């Protein structure tokens, strides 16, 4: 599966679990180890876990794809799923505000989920 299709599928699964503030960062040309970050939030740790489970099961069942690694937990407020070409960051709102990944990778283009890759620079 190509990285553009993968990030789109991940955004769909996150949206199905009511993820909020879904942001896709196009990191091609910025990082060498991945093409995209998909960043989203769940209102609670329980919802963050449900988003994780939805992405994991959807990609496993429909695309036969498993993450290389999963780190963090709903209790820490940050779950990271590494699909090599796409790294998924699922946060609770407070943890996301603390780490501010969108600002950290401000040179990357922010792409609205499933809207193609003609996005604008990420807000700083």
PDB file of N, CA and C in Angstrom:
ATOM      1  N   UNK A   1       0.852  -1.176   0.000  1.00  0.00           N
ATOM      2  CA  UNK A   1       0.000   0.000   0.000  1.00  0.00           C
ATOM      3  C   UNK A   1       0.890   1.228   0.000  1.00  0.00           C
ATOM      4  N   UNK A   2       0.608   2.154  -0.860  1.00  0.00           N
ATOM      5  CA  UNK A   2       1.387   3.383  -0.926  1.00  0.00           C
ATOM      6  C   UNK A   2       1.085   4.265   0.274  1.00  0.00           C
ATOM      7  N   UNK A   3       2.056   5.108   0.625  1.00  0.00           N
ATOM      8  CA  UNK A   3       1.919   5.922   1.834  1.00  0.00           C
ATOM      9  C   UNK A   3       0.740   6.883   1.757  1.00  0.00           C
ATOM     10  N   UNK A   4       0.440   7.415   0.582  1.00  0.00           N
ATOM     11  CA  UNK A   4      -0.687   8.334   0.431  1.00  0.00           C
ATOM     12  C   UNK A   4      -2.006   7.610   0.711  1.00  0.00           C
ATOM     13  N   UNK A   5      -2.132   6.380   0.223  1.00  0.00           N
ATOM     14  CA  UNK A   5      -3.333   5.585   0.479  1.00  0.00           C
ATOM     15  C   UNK A   5      -3.415   5.162   1.940  1.00  0.00           C
ATOM     16  N   UNK A   6      -2.268   4.833   2.511  1.00  0.00           N
ATOM     17  CA  UNK A   6      -2.224   4.403   3.905  1.00  0.00           C
ATOM     18  C   UNK A   6      -2.654   5.522   4.842  1.00  0.00           C
ATOM     19  N   UNK A   7      -2.130   6.724   4.656  1.00  0.00           N
ATOM     20  CA  UNK A   7      -2.494   7.834   5.535  1.00  0.00           C
ATOM     21  C   UNK A   7      -3.977   8.180   5.372  1.00  0.00           C
ATOM     22  N   UNK A   8      -4.496   8.036   4.175  1.00  0.00           N
ATOM     23  CA  UNK A   8      -5.917   8.282   3.952  1.00  0.00           C
ATOM     24  C   UNK A   8      -6.774   7.253   4.684  1.00  0.00           C
ATOM     25  N   UNK A   9      -6.386   5.981   4.611  1.00  0.00           N
ATOM     26  CA  UNK A   9      -7.132   4.928   5.312  1.00  0.00           C
ATOM     27  C   UNK A   9      -7.070   5.143   6.818  1.00  0.00           C
ATOM     28  N   UNK A  10      -5.910   5.500   7.338  1.00  0.00           N
ATOM     29  CA  UNK A  10      -5.757   5.738   8.772  1.00  0.00           C
ATOM     30  C   UNK A  10      -6.657   6.887   9.219  1.00  0.00           C
ATOM     31  N   UNK A  11      -6.694   7.958   8.436  1.00  0.00           N
ATOM     32  CA  UNK A  11      -7.564   9.092   8.767  1.00  0.00           C
ATOM     33  C   UNK A  11      -9.028   8.657   8.802  1.00  0.00           C
ATOM     34  N   UNK A  12      -9.421   7.813   7.856  1.00  0.00           N
ATOM     35  CA  UNK A  12     -10.801   7.317   7.843  1.00  0.00           C
ATOM     36  C   UNK A  12     -11.125   6.520   9.101  1.00  0.00           C
ATOM     37  N   UNK A  13     -10.215   5.616   9.503  1.00  0.00           N
ATOM     38  CA  UNK A  13     -10.455   4.806  10.699  1.00  0.00           C
ATOM     39  C   UNK A  13     -10.490   5.684  11.951  1.00  0.00           C
ATOM     40  N   UNK A  14      -9.619   6.682  12.021  1.00  0.00           N
ATOM     41  CA  UNK A  14      -9.627   7.592  13.170  1.00  0.00           C
ATOM     42  C   UNK A  14     -10.934   8.383  13.212  1.00  0.00           C
ATOM     43  N   UNK A  15     -11.365   8.851  12.056  1.00  0.00           N
ATOM     44  CA  UNK A  15     -12.618   9.606  11.974  1.00  0.00           C
ATOM     45  C   UNK A  15     -13.809   8.738  12.388  1.00  0.00           C
ATOM     46  N   UNK A  16     -13.785   7.466  12.006  1.00  0.00           N
ATOM     47  CA  UNK A  16     -14.860   6.538  12.387  1.00  0.00           C
ATOM     48  C   UNK A  16     -14.982   6.410  13.902  1.00  0.00           C
ATOM     49  N   UNK A  17     -13.886   6.596  14.619  1.00  0.00           N
ATOM     50  CA  UNK A  17     -13.890   6.505  16.081  1.00  0.00           C
ATOM     51  C   UNK A  17     -14.001   7.888  16.728  1.00  0.00           C
ATOM     52  N   UNK A  18     -14.438   8.864  15.950  1.00  0.00           N
ATOM     53  CA  UNK A  18     -14.705  10.227  16.438  1.00  0.00           C
ATOM     54  C   UNK A  18     -13.455  10.966  16.905  1.00  0.00           C
ATOM     55  N   UNK A  19     -12.310  10.680  16.270  1.00  0.00           N
ATOM     56  CA  UNK A  19     -11.098  11.444  16.570  1.00  0.00           C
ATOM     57  C   UNK A  19     -11.343  12.907  16.233  1.00  0.00           C
ATOM     58  N   UNK A  20     -10.724  13.790  16.987  1.00  0.00           N
ATOM     59  CA  UNK A  20     -10.862  15.224  16.746  1.00  0.00           C
ATOM     60  C   UNK A  20      -9.522  15.798  16.302  1.00  0.00           C
ATOM     61  N   UNK A  21      -9.595  16.936  15.621  1.00  0.00           N
ATOM     62  CA  UNK A  21      -8.396  17.665  15.188  1.00  0.00           C
ATOM     63  C   UNK A  21      -7.417  16.769  14.444  1.00  0.00           C
ATOM     64  N   UNK A  22      -7.907  16.072  13.422  1.00  0.00           N
ATOM     65  CA  UNK A  22      -7.042  15.198  12.629  1.00  0.00           C
ATOM     66  C   UNK A  22      -6.186  16.059  11.705  1.00  0.00           C
ATOM     67  N   UNK A  23      -4.876  15.851  11.785  1.00  0.00           N
ATOM     68  CA  UNK A  23      -3.928  16.601  10.952  1.00  0.00           C
ATOM     69  C   UNK A  23      -2.973  15.615  10.298  1.00  0.00           C
ATOM     70  N   UNK A  24      -2.773  15.784   9.013  1.00  0.00           N
ATOM     71  CA  UNK A  24      -1.778  14.999   8.292  1.00  0.00           C
ATOM     72  C   UNK A  24      -0.623  15.932   7.950  1.00  0.00           C
ATOM     73  N   UNK A  25       0.585  15.560   8.337  1.00  0.00           N
ATOM     74  CA  UNK A  25       1.767  16.333   7.989  1.00  0.00           C
ATOM     75  C   UNK A  25       2.553  15.576   6.926  1.00  0.00           C
ATOM     76  N   UNK A  26       2.786  16.221   5.812  1.00  0.00           N
ATOM     77  CA  UNK A  26       3.563  15.645   4.717  1.00  0.00           C
ATOM     78  C   UNK A  26       5.032  15.912   5.018  1.00  0.00           C
ATOM     79  N   UNK A  27       5.755  14.876   5.382  1.00  0.00           N
ATOM     80  CA  UNK A  27       7.148  15.013   5.810  1.00  0.00           C
ATOM     81  C   UNK A  27       8.143  14.546   4.751  1.00  0.00           C
ATOM     82  N   UNK A  28       7.641  14.264   3.547  1.00  0.00           N
ATOM     83  CA  UNK A  28       8.555  13.872   2.478  1.00  0.00           C
ATOM     84  C   UNK A  28       9.500  15.036   2.205  1.00  0.00           C
ATOM     85  N   UNK A  29      10.760  14.766   2.161  1.00  0.00           N
ATOM     86  CA  UNK A  29      11.748  15.814   1.959  1.00  0.00           C
ATOM     87  C   UNK A  29      12.178  16.504   3.244  1.00  0.00           C
ATOM     88  N   UNK A  30      11.487  16.233   4.339  1.00  0.00           N
ATOM     89  CA  UNK A  30      11.828  16.819   5.636  1.00  0.00           C
ATOM     90  C   UNK A  30      12.487  15.773   6.529  1.00  0.00           C
ATOM     91  N   UNK A  31      11.927  14.565   6.528  1.00  0.00           N
ATOM     92  CA  UNK A  31      12.447  13.451   7.319  1.00  0.00           C
ATOM     93  C   UNK A  31      12.814  12.299   6.398  1.00  0.00           C
ATOM     94  N   UNK A  32      13.760  11.502   6.816  1.00  0.00           N
ATOM     95  CA  UNK A  32      14.147  10.356   6.026  1.00  0.00           C
ATOM     96  C   UNK A  32      13.493   9.061   6.449  1.00  0.00           C
ATOM     97  N   UNK A  33      12.845   9.025   7.618  1.00  0.00           N
ATOM     98  CA  UNK A  33      12.345   7.751   8.129  1.00  0.00           C
ATOM     99  C   UNK A  33      10.843   7.550   7.969  1.00  0.00           C
ATOM    100  N   UNK A  34      10.121   8.552   7.520  1.00  0.00           N
ATOM    101  CA  UNK A  34       8.688   8.395   7.287  1.00  0.00           C
ATOM    102  C   UNK A  34       8.226   9.456   6.295  1.00  0.00           C
ATOM    103  N   UNK A  35       7.082   9.196   5.670  1.00  0.00           N
ATOM    104  CA  UNK A  35       6.521  10.153   4.724  1.00  0.00           C
ATOM    105  C   UNK A  35       5.493  11.077   5.376  1.00  0.00           C
ATOM    106  N   UNK A  36       4.725  10.540   6.327  1.00  0.00           N
ATOM    107  CA  UNK A  36       3.642  11.314   6.941  1.00  0.00           C
ATOM    108  C   UNK A  36       3.563  11.069   8.439  1.00  0.00           C
ATOM    109  N   UNK A  37       3.126  12.104   9.137  1.00  0.00           N
ATOM    110  CA  UNK A  37       2.613  11.968  10.490  1.00  0.00           C
ATOM    111  C   UNK A  37       1.111  12.174  10.371  1.00  0.00           C
ATOM    112  N   UNK A  38       0.335  11.340  11.022  1.00  0.00           N
ATOM    113  CA  UNK A  38      -1.077  11.612  11.211  1.00  0.00           C
ATOM    114  C   UNK A  38      -1.244  11.850  12.700  1.00  0.00           C
ATOM    115  N   UNK A  39      -1.720  13.025  13.045  1.00  0.00           N
ATOM    116  CA  UNK A  39      -1.885  13.428  14.445  1.00  0.00           C
ATOM    117  C   UNK A  39      -3.374  13.626  14.692  1.00  0.00           C
ATOM    118  N   UNK A  40      -3.866  13.051  15.785  1.00  0.00           N
ATOM    119  CA  UNK A  40      -5.268  13.242  16.129  1.00  0.00           C
ATOM    120  C   UNK A  40      -5.424  13.151  17.642  1.00  0.00           C
ATOM    121  N   UNK A  41      -6.603  13.481  18.104  1.00  0.00           N
ATOM    122  CA  UNK A  41      -6.884  13.459  19.540  1.00  0.00           C
ATOM    123  C   UNK A  41      -8.185  12.735  19.818  1.00  0.00           C
ATOM    124  N   UNK A  42      -8.227  12.155  21.015  1.00  0.00           N
ATOM    125  CA  UNK A  42      -9.458  11.642  21.589  1.00  0.00           C
ATOM    126  C   UNK A  42      -9.719  12.460  22.844  1.00  0.00           C
ATOM    127  N   UNK A  43     -10.958  12.703  23.158  1.00  0.00           N
ATOM    128  CA  UNK A  43     -11.278  13.544  24.312  1.00  0.00           C
ATOM    129  C   UNK A  43     -10.815  12.956  25.640  1.00  0.00           C
ATOM    130  N   UNK A  44     -10.692  11.642  25.700  1.00  0.00           N
ATOM    131  CA  UNK A  44     -10.263  10.958  26.928  1.00  0.00           C
ATOM    132  C   UNK A  44      -9.253   9.862  26.562  1.00  0.00           C
ATOM    133  N   UNK A  45      -8.603   9.317  27.556  1.00  0.00           N
ATOM    134  CA  UNK A  45      -7.717   8.187  27.329  1.00  0.00           C
ATOM    135  C   UNK A  45      -8.462   6.997  26.747  1.00  0.00           C
ATOM    136  N   UNK A  46      -9.674   6.781  27.204  1.00  0.00           N
ATOM    137  CA  UNK A  46     -10.492   5.674  26.692  1.00  0.00           C
ATOM    138  C   UNK A  46     -10.790   5.859  25.212  1.00  0.00           C
ATOM    139  N   UNK A  47     -11.099   7.097  24.812  1.00  0.00           N
ATOM    140  CA  UNK A  47     -11.365   7.345  23.396  1.00  0.00           C
ATOM    141  C   UNK A  47     -10.082   7.212  22.572  1.00  0.00           C
ATOM    142  N   UNK A  48      -8.948   7.649  23.112  1.00  0.00           N
ATOM    143  CA  UNK A  48      -7.667   7.487  22.418  1.00  0.00           C
ATOM    144  C   UNK A  48      -7.402   6.012  22.157  1.00  0.00           C
ATOM    145  N   UNK A  49      -7.681   5.166  23.135  1.00  0.00           N
ATOM    146  CA  UNK A  49      -7.509   3.721  22.976  1.00  0.00           C
ATOM    147  C   UNK A  49      -8.457   3.180  21.911  1.00  0.00           C
ATOM    148  N   UNK A  50      -9.691   3.671  21.881  1.00  0.00           N
ATOM    149  CA  UNK A  50     -10.651   3.231  20.866  1.00  0.00           C
ATOM    150  C   UNK A  50     -10.186   3.632  19.462  1.00  0.00           C
ATOM    151  N   UNK A  51      -9.601   4.820  19.335  1.00  0.00           N
ATOM    152  CA  UNK A  51      -9.058   5.257  18.041  1.00  0.00           C
ATOM    153  C   UNK A  51      -7.922   4.326  17.624  1.00  0.00           C
ATOM    154  N   UNK A  52      -7.017   4.042  18.552  1.00  0.00           N
ATOM    155  CA  UNK A  52      -5.926   3.096  18.295  1.00  0.00           C
ATOM    156  C   UNK A  52      -6.474   1.752  17.822  1.00  0.00           C
ATOM    157  N   UNK A  53      -7.443   1.223  18.555  1.00  0.00           N
ATOM    158  CA  UNK A  53      -8.015  -0.079  18.218  1.00  0.00           C
ATOM    159  C   UNK A  53      -8.683  -0.055  16.847  1.00  0.00           C
ATOM    160  N   UNK A  54      -9.375   1.035  16.533  1.00  0.00           N
ATOM    161  CA  UNK A  54     -10.040   1.150  15.233  1.00  0.00           C
ATOM    162  C   UNK A  54      -9.055   1.165  14.076  1.00  0.00           C
ATOM    163  N   UNK A  55      -7.964   1.904  14.244  1.00  0.00           N
ATOM    164  CA  UNK A  55      -6.924   1.949  13.209  1.00  0.00           C
ATOM    165  C   UNK A  55      -6.275   0.575  13.070  1.00  0.00           C
ATOM    166  N   UNK A  56      -5.885  -0.014  14.188  1.00  0.00           N
ATOM    167  CA  UNK A  56      -5.220  -1.314  14.180  1.00  0.00           C
ATOM    168  C   UNK A  56      -6.081  -2.376  13.499  1.00  0.00           C
ATOM    169  N   UNK A  57      -7.326  -2.490  13.921  1.00  0.00           N
ATOM    170  CA  UNK A  57      -8.214  -3.519  13.371  1.00  0.00           C
ATOM    171  C   UNK A  57      -8.564  -3.251  11.916  1.00  0.00           C
ATOM    172  N   UNK A  58      -8.818  -2.004  11.570  1.00  0.00           N
ATOM    173  CA  UNK A  58      -9.166  -1.674  10.189  1.00  0.00           C
ATOM    174  C   UNK A  58      -8.040  -1.982   9.215  1.00  0.00           C
ATOM    175  N   UNK A  59      -6.830  -1.575   9.562  1.00  0.00           N
ATOM    176  CA  UNK A  59      -5.694  -1.847   8.677  1.00  0.00           C
ATOM    177  C   UNK A  59      -5.366  -3.336   8.631  1.00  0.00           C
ATOM    178  N   UNK A  60      -5.513  -4.014   9.749  1.00  0.00           N
ATOM    179  CA  UNK A  60      -5.238  -5.454   9.790  1.00  0.00           C
ATOM    180  C   UNK A  60      -6.259  -6.215   8.937  1.00  0.00           C
ATOM    181  N   UNK A  61      -7.519  -5.929   9.127  1.00  0.00           N
ATOM    182  CA  UNK A  61      -8.584  -6.671   8.464  1.00  0.00           C
ATOM    183  C   UNK A  61      -8.697  -6.337   6.980  1.00  0.00           C
ATOM    184  N   UNK A  62      -8.680  -5.059   6.648  1.00  0.00           N
ATOM    185  CA  UNK A  62      -8.958  -4.669   5.269  1.00  0.00           C
ATOM    186  C   UNK A  62      -7.713  -4.481   4.408  1.00  0.00           C
ATOM    187  N   UNK A  63      -6.556  -4.262   5.047  1.00  0.00           N
ATOM    188  CA  UNK A  63      -5.348  -3.987   4.271  1.00  0.00           C
ATOM    189  C   UNK A  63      -4.198  -4.939   4.598  1.00  0.00           C
ATOM    190  N   UNK A  64      -4.429  -5.863   5.522  1.00  0.00           N
ATOM    191  CA  UNK A  64      -3.414  -6.847   5.917  1.00  0.00           C
ATOM    192  C   UNK A  64      -2.101  -6.176   6.325  1.00  0.00           C
ATOM    193  N   UNK A  65      -2.236  -5.098   7.070  1.00  0.00           N
ATOM    194  CA  UNK A  65      -1.083  -4.296   7.492  1.00  0.00           C
ATOM    195  C   UNK A  65      -1.090  -4.152   9.012  1.00  0.00           C
ATOM    196  N   UNK A  66       0.049  -4.443   9.610  1.00  0.00           N
ATOM    197  CA  UNK A  66       0.225  -4.259  11.051  1.00  0.00           C
ATOM    198  C   UNK A  66       1.310  -3.219  11.296  1.00  0.00           C
ATOM    199  N   UNK A  67       1.226  -2.513  12.425  1.00  0.00           N
ATOM    200  CA  UNK A  67       2.285  -1.540  12.722  1.00  0.00           C
ATOM    201  C   UNK A  67       3.594  -2.240  13.048  1.00  0.00           C
ATOM    202  N   UNK A  68       4.672  -1.578  12.715  1.00  0.00           N
ATOM    203  CA  UNK A  68       5.992  -2.106  13.081  1.00  0.00           C
ATOM    204  C   UNK A  68       6.139  -2.111  14.592  1.00  0.00           C
ATOM    205  N   UNK A  69       5.648  -1.054  15.215  1.00  0.00           N
ATOM    206  CA  UNK A  69       5.700  -0.947  16.672  1.00  0.00           C
ATOM    207  C   UNK A  69       4.577  -0.033  17.142  1.00  0.00           C
ATOM    208  N   UNK A  70       4.180  -0.236  18.389  1.00  0.00           N
ATOM    209  CA  UNK A  70       3.220   0.641  19.063  1.00  0.00           C
ATOM    210  C   UNK A  70       3.837   1.001  20.398  1.00  0.00           C
ATOM    211  N   UNK A  71       3.840   2.284  20.711  1.00  0.00           N
ATOM    212  CA  UNK A  71       4.395   2.750  21.985  1.00  0.00           C
ATOM    213  C   UNK A  71       3.386   3.634  22.686  1.00  0.00           C
ATOM    214  N   UNK A  72       3.551   3.763  23.989  1.00  0.00           N
ATOM    215  CA  UNK A  72       2.661   4.595  24.783  1.00  0.00           C
ATOM    216  C   UNK A  72       1.376   3.855  25.109  1.00  0.00           C
ATOM    217  N   UNK A  73       0.480   4.567  25.770  1.00  0.00           N
ATOM    218  CA  UNK A  73      -0.801   3.970  26.157  1.00  0.00           C
ATOM    219  C   UNK A  73      -1.800   5.089  26.416  1.00  0.00           C
ATOM    220  N   UNK A  74      -3.038   4.690  26.548  1.00  0.00           N
ATOM    221  CA  UNK A  74      -4.083   5.659  26.855  1.00  0.00           C
ATOM    222  C   UNK A  74      -3.806   6.358  28.185  1.00  0.00           C
ATOM    223  N   UNK A  75      -3.153   5.661  29.111  1.00  0.00           N
ATOM    224  CA  UNK A  75      -2.862   6.242  30.427  1.00  0.00           C
ATOM    225  C   UNK A  75      -1.828   7.360  30.346  1.00  0.00           C
ATOM    226  N   UNK A  76      -0.933   7.292  29.372  1.00  0.00           N
ATOM    227  CA  UNK A  76       0.080   8.346  29.223  1.00  0.00           C
ATOM    228  C   UNK A  76      -0.430   9.515  28.402  1.00  0.00           C
ATOM    229  N   UNK A  77      -1.552   9.328  27.707  1.00  0.00           N
ATOM    230  CA  UNK A  77      -2.111  10.396  26.885  1.00  0.00           C
ATOM    231  C   UNK A  77      -1.514  10.473  25.495  1.00  0.00           C
ATOM    232  N   UNK A  78      -0.674   9.506  25.119  1.00  0.00           N
ATOM    233  CA  UNK A  78      -0.047   9.527  23.795  1.00  0.00           C
ATOM    234  C   UNK A  78       0.199   8.095  23.359  1.00  0.00           C
ATOM    235  N   UNK A  79      -0.379   7.724  22.235  1.00  0.00           N
ATOM    236  CA  UNK A  79      -0.140   6.418  21.625  1.00  0.00           C
ATOM    237  C   UNK A  79       0.499   6.674  20.269  1.00  0.00           C
ATOM    238  N   UNK A  80       1.620   6.013  20.015  1.00  0.00           N
ATOM    239  CA  UNK A  80       2.322   6.135  18.746  1.00  0.00           C
ATOM    240  C   UNK A  80       2.249   4.799  18.033  1.00  0.00           C
ATOM    241  N   UNK A  81       1.837   4.830  16.764  1.00  0.00           N
ATOM    242  CA  UNK A  81       1.764   3.635  15.924  1.00  0.00           C
ATOM    243  C   UNK A  81       2.664   3.871  14.719  1.00  0.00           C
ATOM    244  N   UNK A  82       3.665   3.030  14.536  1.00  0.00           N
ATOM    245  CA  UNK A  82       4.638   3.204  13.456  1.00  0.00           C
ATOM    246  C   UNK A  82       4.338   2.225  12.330  1.00  0.00           C
ATOM    247  N   UNK A  83       3.826   2.755  11.228  1.00  0.00           N
ATOM    248  CA  UNK A  83       3.557   1.967  10.030  1.00  0.00           C
ATOM    249  C   UNK A  83       4.628   2.231   8.962  1.00  0.00           C
ATOM    250  N   UNK A  84       5.825   2.609   9.398  1.00  0.00           N
ATOM    251  CA  UNK A  84       6.978   2.919   8.556  1.00  0.00           C
ATOM    252  C   UNK A  84       6.743   4.177   7.719  1.00  0.00           C
ATOM    253  N   UNK A  85       5.923   4.126   6.669  1.00  0.00           N
ATOM    254  CA  UNK A  85       5.701   5.310   5.838  1.00  0.00           C
ATOM    255  C   UNK A  85       4.786   6.326   6.502  1.00  0.00           C
ATOM    256  N   UNK A  86       4.030   5.882   7.497  1.00  0.00           N
ATOM    257  CA  UNK A  86       3.123   6.761   8.237  1.00  0.00           C
ATOM    258  C   UNK A  86       3.299   6.478   9.728  1.00  0.00           C
ATOM    259  N   UNK A  87       3.525   7.517  10.510  1.00  0.00           N
ATOM    260  CA  UNK A  87       3.586   7.408  11.966  1.00  0.00           C
ATOM    261  C   UNK A  87       2.352   8.115  12.512  1.00  0.00           C
ATOM    262  N   UNK A  88       1.578   7.381  13.305  1.00  0.00           N
ATOM    263  CA  UNK A  88       0.320   7.883  13.860  1.00  0.00           C
ATOM    264  C   UNK A  88       0.560   8.296  15.301  1.00  0.00           C
ATOM    265  N   UNK A  89       0.124   9.508  15.641  1.00  0.00           N
ATOM    266  CA  UNK A  89       0.203  10.020  17.010  1.00  0.00           C
ATOM    267  C   UNK A  89      -1.228  10.266  17.483  1.00  0.00           C
ATOM    268  N   UNK A  90      -1.640   9.545  18.508  1.00  0.00           N
ATOM    269  CA  UNK A  90      -2.977   9.713  19.078  1.00  0.00           C
ATOM    270  C   UNK A  90      -2.798  10.286  20.481  1.00  0.00           C
ATOM    271  N   UNK A  91      -3.366  11.454  20.691  1.00  0.00           N
ATOM    272  CA  UNK A  91      -3.186  12.180  21.948  1.00  0.00           C
ATOM    273  C   UNK A  91      -4.500  12.386  22.674  1.00  0.00           C
ATOM    274  N   UNK A  92      -4.398  12.675  23.963  1.00  0.00           N
ATOM    275  CA  UNK A  92      -5.472  13.351  24.671  1.00  0.00           C
ATOM    276  C   UNK A  92      -5.192  14.845  24.495  1.00  0.00           C
ATOM    277  N   UNK A  93      -6.176  15.709  24.623  1.00  0.00           N
ATOM    278  CA  UNK A  93      -5.958  17.139  24.334  1.00  0.00           C
ATOM    279  C   UNK A  93      -4.828  17.791  25.147  1.00  0.00           C
ATOM    280  N   UNK A  94      -4.740  17.527  26.437  1.00  0.00           N
ATOM    281  CA  UNK A  94      -3.696  18.154  27.252  1.00  0.00           C
ATOM    282  C   UNK A  94      -2.298  17.718  26.827  1.00  0.00           C
ATOM    283  N   UNK A  95      -2.148  16.443  26.527  1.00  0.00           N
ATOM    284  CA  UNK A  95      -0.836  15.942  26.102  1.00  0.00           C
ATOM    285  C   UNK A  95      -0.461  16.511  24.742  1.00  0.00           C
ATOM    286  N   UNK A  96      -1.427  16.613  23.847  1.00  0.00           N
ATOM    287  CA  UNK A  96      -1.158  17.192  22.527  1.00  0.00           C
ATOM    288  C   UNK A  96      -0.739  18.656  22.647  1.00  0.00           C
ATOM    289  N   UNK A  97      -1.404  19.396  23.504  1.00  0.00           N
ATOM    290  CA  UNK A  97      -1.047  20.799  23.710  1.00  0.00           C
ATOM    291  C   UNK A  97       0.351  20.926  24.303  1.00  0.00           C
ATOM    292  N   UNK A  98       0.737  20.002  25.155  1.00  0.00           N
ATOM    293  CA  UNK A  98       2.058  20.050  25.773  1.00  0.00           C
ATOM    294  C   UNK A  98       3.164  19.791  24.745  1.00  0.00           C
ATOM    295  N   UNK A  99       3.005  18.763  23.907  1.00  0.00           N
ATOM    296  CA  UNK A  99       4.071  18.398  22.963  1.00  0.00           C
ATOM    297  C   UNK A  99       4.056  19.206  21.665  1.00  0.00           C
ATOM    298  N   UNK A 100       2.915  19.724  21.259  1.00  0.00           N
ATOM    299  CA  UNK A 100       2.796  20.623  20.093  1.00  0.00           C
ATOM    300  C   UNK A 100       3.548  20.127  18.858  1.00  0.00           C
ATOM    301  N   UNK A 101       3.296  18.909  18.442  1.00  0.00           N
ATOM    302  CA  UNK A 101       4.001  18.344  17.290  1.00  0.00           C
ATOM    303  C   UNK A 101       3.790  19.152  16.016  1.00  0.00           C
ATOM    304  N   UNK A 102       2.601  19.706  15.836  1.00  0.00           N
ATOM    305  CA  UNK A 102       2.348  20.502  14.630  1.00  0.00           C
ATOM    306  C   UNK A 102       3.307  21.683  14.543  1.00  0.00           C
ATOM    307  N   UNK A 103       3.602  22.310  15.670  1.00  0.00           N
ATOM    308  CA  UNK A 103       4.534  23.432  15.673  1.00  0.00           C
ATOM    309  C   UNK A 103       5.977  22.953  15.541  1.00  0.00           C
ATOM    310  N   UNK A 104       6.288  21.822  16.159  1.00  0.00           N
ATOM    311  CA  UNK A 104       7.640  21.276  16.086  1.00  0.00           C
ATOM    312  C   UNK A 104       8.024  20.965  14.642  1.00  0.00           C
ATOM    313  N   UNK A 105       7.087  20.446  13.867  1.00  0.00           N
ATOM    314  CA  UNK A 105       7.326  20.117  12.469  1.00  0.00           C
ATOM    315  C   UNK A 105       6.667  21.151  11.572  1.00  0.00           C
ATOM    316  N   UNK A 106       6.799  22.408  11.914  1.00  0.00           N
ATOM    317  CA  UNK A 106       6.150  23.500  11.194  1.00  0.00           C
ATOM    318  C   UNK A 106       6.578  23.641   9.747  1.00  0.00           C
ATOM    319  N   UNK A 107       7.756  23.118   9.376  1.00  0.00           N
ATOM    320  CA  UNK A 107       8.190  23.217   7.985  1.00  0.00           C
ATOM    321  C   UNK A 107       7.486  22.203   7.091  1.00  0.00           C
ATOM    322  N   UNK A 108       6.777  21.260   7.671  1.00  0.00           N
ATOM    323  CA  UNK A 108       6.027  20.272   6.900  1.00  0.00           C
ATOM    324  C   UNK A 108       4.699  20.866   6.458  1.00  0.00           C
ATOM    325  N   UNK A 109       4.206  20.383   5.321  1.00  0.00           N
ATOM    326  CA  UNK A 109       2.884  20.811   4.862  1.00  0.00           C
ATOM    327  C   UNK A 109       1.816  20.096   5.663  1.00  0.00           C
ATOM    328  N   UNK A 110       0.835  20.840   6.110  1.00  0.00           N
ATOM    329  CA  UNK A 110      -0.315  20.266   6.797  1.00  0.00           C
ATOM    330  C   UNK A 110      -1.385  20.027   5.750  1.00  0.00           C
ATOM    331  N   UNK A 111      -1.852  18.793   5.666  1.00  0.00           N
ATOM    332  CA  UNK A 111      -2.800  18.403   4.643  1.00  0.00           C
ATOM    333  C   UNK A 111      -4.115  18.037   5.304  1.00  0.00           C
ATOM    334  N   UNK A 112      -5.220  18.667   4.903  1.00  0.00           N
ATOM    335  CA  UNK A 112      -6.505  18.248   5.473  1.00  0.00           C
ATOM    336  C   UNK A 112      -6.724  16.762   5.193  1.00  0.00           C
ATOM    337  N   UNK A 113      -7.239  16.018   6.152  1.00  0.00           N
ATOM    338  CA  UNK A 113      -7.436  14.585   5.952  1.00  0.00           C
ATOM    339  C   UNK A 113      -8.215  14.294   4.675  1.00  0.00           C
ATOM    340  N   UNK A 114      -7.645  13.391   3.876  1.00  0.00           N
ATOM    341  CA  UNK A 114      -8.298  12.885   2.668  1.00  0.00           C
ATOM    342  C   UNK A 114      -8.635  13.958   1.652  1.00  0.00           C
ATOM    343  N   UNK A 115      -7.866  15.043   1.626  1.00  0.00           N
ATOM    344  CA  UNK A 115      -8.116  16.110   0.670  1.00  0.00           C
ATOM    345  C   UNK A 115      -6.994  16.228  -0.352  1.00  0.00           C
ATOM    346  N   UNK A 116      -6.152  15.229  -0.454  1.00  0.00           N
ATOM    347  CA  UNK A 116      -5.046  15.308  -1.397  1.00  0.00           C
ATOM    348  C   UNK A 116      -3.859  15.989  -0.762  1.00  0.00           C
ATOM    349  N   UNK A 117      -2.792  16.115  -1.510  1.00  0.00           N
ATOM    350  CA  UNK A 117      -1.556  16.627  -0.942  1.00  0.00           C
ATOM    351  C   UNK A 117      -1.190  17.980  -1.519  1.00  0.00           C
ATOM    352  N   UNK A 118      -2.133  18.873  -1.528  1.00  0.00           N
ATOM    353  CA  UNK A 118      -1.867  20.232  -1.989  1.00  0.00           C
ATOM    354  C   UNK A 118      -2.042  21.192  -0.831  1.00  0.00           C
ATOM    355  N   UNK A 119      -1.717  20.710   0.352  1.00  0.00           N
ATOM    356  CA  UNK A 119      -1.978  21.439   1.597  1.00  0.00           C
ATOM    357  C   UNK A 119      -1.158  22.698   1.770  1.00  0.00           C
ATOM    358  N   UNK A 120      -1.417  23.346   2.857  1.00  0.00           N
ATOM    359  CA  UNK A 120      -0.754  24.602   3.215  1.00  0.00           C
ATOM    360  C   UNK A 120       0.319  24.318   4.240  1.00  0.00           C
ATOM    361  N   UNK A 121       1.236  25.235   4.460  1.00  0.00           N
ATOM    362  CA  UNK A 121       2.219  25.018   5.521  1.00  0.00           C
ATOM    363  C   UNK A 121       1.512  24.868   6.862  1.00  0.00           C
ATOM    364  N   UNK A 122       2.078  24.049   7.723  1.00  0.00           N
ATOM    365  CA  UNK A 122       1.494  23.829   9.053  1.00  0.00           C
ATOM    366  C   UNK A 122       1.498  25.143   9.824  1.00  0.00           C
ATOM    367  N   UNK A 123       0.441  25.357  10.621  1.00  0.00           N
ATOM    368  CA  UNK A 123       0.386  26.584  11.428  1.00  0.00           C
ATOM    369  C   UNK A 123       1.430  26.529  12.524  1.00  0.00           C
ATOM    370  N   UNK A 124       1.977  27.656  12.840  1.00  0.00           N
ATOM    371  CA  UNK A 124       3.034  27.711  13.864  1.00  0.00           C
ATOM    372  C   UNK A 124       2.497  28.259  15.146  1.00  0.00           C
TER     373      UNK A 124
END
